C-alpha atoms as a PDB file:
ATOM      1  CA  MET A   1      25.334  24.558  31.694  1.00  0.00           C
ATOM      2  CA  ASN A   2      26.229  28.217  31.390  1.00  0.00           C
ATOM      3  CA  GLU A   3      26.718  30.523  28.444  1.00  0.00           C
ATOM      4  CA  LYS A   4      29.332  33.305  28.484  1.00  0.00           C
ATOM      5  CA  THR A   5      28.758  36.658  26.867  1.00  0.00           C
ATOM      6  CA  GLU A   6      31.242  39.529  27.282  1.00  0.00           C
ATOM      7  CA  GLY A   7      32.424  38.585  30.764  1.00  0.00           C
ATOM      8  CA  GLU A   8      28.949  37.651  31.944  1.00  0.00           C
ATOM      9  CA  THR A   9      27.890  34.084  32.684  1.00  0.00           C
ATOM     10  CA  ARG A  10      24.219  33.219  32.488  1.00  0.00           C
ATOM     11  CA  PRO A  11      22.340  29.916  32.487  1.00  0.00           C
ATOM     12  CA  VAL A  12      21.547  28.428  29.091  1.00  0.00           C
ATOM     13  CA  LYS A  13      17.789  28.455  28.626  1.00  0.00           C
ATOM     14  CA  ASN A  14      15.873  25.526  27.229  1.00  0.00           C
ATOM     15  CA  PRO A  15      13.361  26.080  24.434  1.00  0.00           C
ATOM     16  CA  PRO A  16       9.909  27.090  25.704  1.00  0.00           C
ATOM     17  CA  GLY A  17       8.085  24.031  26.979  1.00  0.00           C
ATOM     18  CA  LYS A  18      11.249  21.899  26.835  1.00  0.00           C
ATOM     19  CA  PRO A  19      12.755  21.369  30.282  1.00  0.00           C
ATOM     20  CA  GLU A  20      16.206  20.025  31.005  1.00  0.00           C
ATOM     21  CA  LEU A  21      15.923  16.275  31.404  1.00  0.00           C
ATOM     22  CA  ARG A  22      18.371  13.908  33.058  1.00  0.00           C
ATOM     23  CA  TYR A  23      18.669  10.526  34.717  1.00  0.00           C
ATOM     24  CA  LEU A  24      15.707   9.602  36.948  1.00  0.00           C
ATOM     25  CA  ALA A  25      13.451  12.393  35.670  1.00  0.00           C
ATOM     26  CA  GLN A  26       9.862  11.265  35.139  1.00  0.00           C
ATOM     27  CA  GLY A  27       6.767  12.444  33.370  1.00  0.00           C
ATOM     28  CA  GLU A  28       5.195  13.438  30.100  1.00  0.00           C
ATOM     29  CA  ASP A  29       8.277  15.320  28.860  1.00  0.00           C
ATOM     30  CA  VAL A  30      10.402  12.196  29.291  1.00  0.00           C
ATOM     31  CA  ALA A  31       7.798  10.119  27.421  1.00  0.00           C
ATOM     32  CA  LYS A  32       7.878  12.683  24.577  1.00  0.00           C
ATOM     33  CA  LEU A  33      11.681  12.507  24.494  1.00  0.00           C
ATOM     34  CA  GLN A  34      11.555   8.711  24.338  1.00  0.00           C
ATOM     35  CA  LYS A  35       9.080   8.869  21.457  1.00  0.00           C
ATOM     36  CA  ILE A  36      11.361  11.277  19.565  1.00  0.00           C
ATOM     37  CA  LEU A  37      14.370   9.029  20.186  1.00  0.00           C
ATOM     38  CA  ASN A  38      12.456   6.071  18.739  1.00  0.00           C
ATOM     39  CA  GLU A  39      11.461   8.144  15.692  1.00  0.00           C
ATOM     40  CA  LYS A  40      15.140   9.032  15.161  1.00  0.00           C
ATOM     41  CA  GLY A  41      16.183   5.382  15.271  1.00  0.00           C
ATOM     42  CA  PHE A  42      17.339   5.068  18.885  1.00  0.00           C
ATOM     43  CA  ALA A  43      15.283   2.260  20.364  1.00  0.00           C
ATOM     44  CA  VAL A  44      14.102   2.976  23.880  1.00  0.00           C
ATOM     45  CA  GLU A  45      11.065   1.794  25.815  1.00  0.00           C
ATOM     46  CA  GLU A  46       8.536   4.623  26.224  1.00  0.00           C
ATOM     47  CA  THR A  47       7.993   4.454  29.983  1.00  0.00           C
ATOM     48  CA  GLY A  48       8.093   8.113  30.975  1.00  0.00           C
ATOM     49  CA  VAL A  49      11.083   7.367  33.235  1.00  0.00           C
ATOM     50  CA  TYR A  50      14.550   8.643  32.287  1.00  0.00           C
ATOM     51  CA  ASP A  51      16.311   5.361  32.964  1.00  0.00           C
ATOM     52  CA  MET A  52      19.742   4.094  31.861  1.00  0.00           C
ATOM     53  CA  GLN A  53      18.281   2.896  28.554  1.00  0.00           C
ATOM     54  CA  THR A  54      17.204   6.495  27.861  1.00  0.00           C
ATOM     55  CA  VAL A  55      20.595   7.879  28.945  1.00  0.00           C
ATOM     56  CA  LYS A  56      22.325   5.510  26.495  1.00  0.00           C
ATOM     57  CA  ALA A  57      19.929   6.425  23.671  1.00  0.00           C
ATOM     58  CA  VAL A  58      20.500  10.150  24.289  1.00  0.00           C
ATOM     59  CA  ARG A  59      24.283   9.616  24.315  1.00  0.00           C
ATOM     60  CA  ALA A  60      24.062   7.686  21.041  1.00  0.00           C
ATOM     61  CA  ALA A  61      22.018  10.465  19.433  1.00  0.00           C
ATOM     62  CA  GLN A  62      24.472  13.089  20.680  1.00  0.00           C
ATOM     63  CA  VAL A  63      27.457  11.157  19.296  1.00  0.00           C
ATOM     64  CA  ALA A  64      25.700  10.619  15.948  1.00  0.00           C
ATOM     65  CA  ALA A  65      25.119  14.383  15.744  1.00  0.00           C
ATOM     66  CA  GLY A  66      28.733  15.186  16.644  1.00  0.00           C
ATOM     67  CA  MET A  67      27.835  16.573  20.058  1.00  0.00           C
ATOM     68  CA  PRO A  68      29.439  15.907  23.439  1.00  0.00           C
ATOM     69  CA  GLN A  69      27.792  12.852  24.985  1.00  0.00           C
ATOM     70  CA  THR A  70      26.318  14.114  28.235  1.00  0.00           C
ATOM     71  CA  GLY A  71      23.370  11.753  28.430  1.00  0.00           C
ATOM     72  CA  SER A  72      21.180  14.633  29.560  1.00  0.00           C
ATOM     73  CA  VAL A  73      18.926  16.774  27.392  1.00  0.00           C
ATOM     74  CA  GLN A  74      19.422  20.514  27.421  1.00  0.00           C
ATOM     75  CA  GLU A  75      18.827  23.246  24.870  1.00  0.00           C
ATOM     76  CA  ASP A  76      21.425  22.033  22.376  1.00  0.00           C
ATOM     77  CA  THR A  77      20.124  18.449  22.390  1.00  0.00           C
ATOM     78  CA  TRP A  78      16.474  19.559  22.108  1.00  0.00           C
ATOM     79  CA  ARG A  79      17.444  21.698  19.088  1.00  0.00           C
ATOM     80  CA  MET A  80      19.357  18.836  17.482  1.00  0.00           C
ATOM     81  CA  LEU A  81      16.420  16.456  17.936  1.00  0.00           C
ATOM     82  CA  ALA A  82      13.982  19.046  16.550  1.00  0.00           C
ATOM     83  CA  LYS A  83      16.119  19.829  13.489  1.00  0.00           C
ATOM     84  CA  THR A  84      16.992  16.259  12.609  1.00  0.00           C
ATOM     85  CA  THR A  85      14.319  15.088  10.218  1.00  0.00           C
ATOM     86  CA  LYS A  86      15.741  11.674   9.468  1.00  0.00           C
ATOM     87  CA  LYS A  87      17.083   8.799  11.469  1.00  0.00           C
ATOM     88  CA  LEU A  88      20.590   9.362  12.745  1.00  0.00           C
ATOM     89  CA  LYS A  89      23.288   6.795  12.110  1.00  0.00           C
ATOM     90  CA  GLN A  90      24.095   5.069  15.365  1.00  0.00           C
ATOM     91  CA  GLN A  91      27.748   4.918  16.324  1.00  0.00           C
ATOM     92  CA  GLU A  92      29.674   3.300  19.131  1.00  0.00           C
ATOM     93  CA  VAL A  93      29.058   5.201  22.351  1.00  0.00           C
ATOM     94  CA  THR A  94      31.711   5.102  25.031  1.00  0.00           C
ATOM     95  CA  GLU A  95      30.582   4.551  28.584  1.00  0.00           C
ATOM     96  CA  ASN A  96      31.113   7.793  30.533  1.00  0.00           C
ATOM     97  CA  ALA A  97      28.883   7.230  33.521  1.00  0.00           C
END
């Protein structure tokens, strides 16, 4: 994802300590994401693997927050998850694999 500023395109940076996460990523950051998703009301098994269950939970959270449903976690999704203090209302998520 890129951000444009006055004719210049530069990569969008993720918050410090928050990497971009997507399908098949693994590790502690994915486990933290899965824990946050559960806290926000999006049930996902906390395995540390960014599997299809995690992709669907991220899409559902993005839709509930009025964001484009990418299924990956970048700066905008990290910010949304950090700012949202209550459980999000789950909505129907279309399948855009």
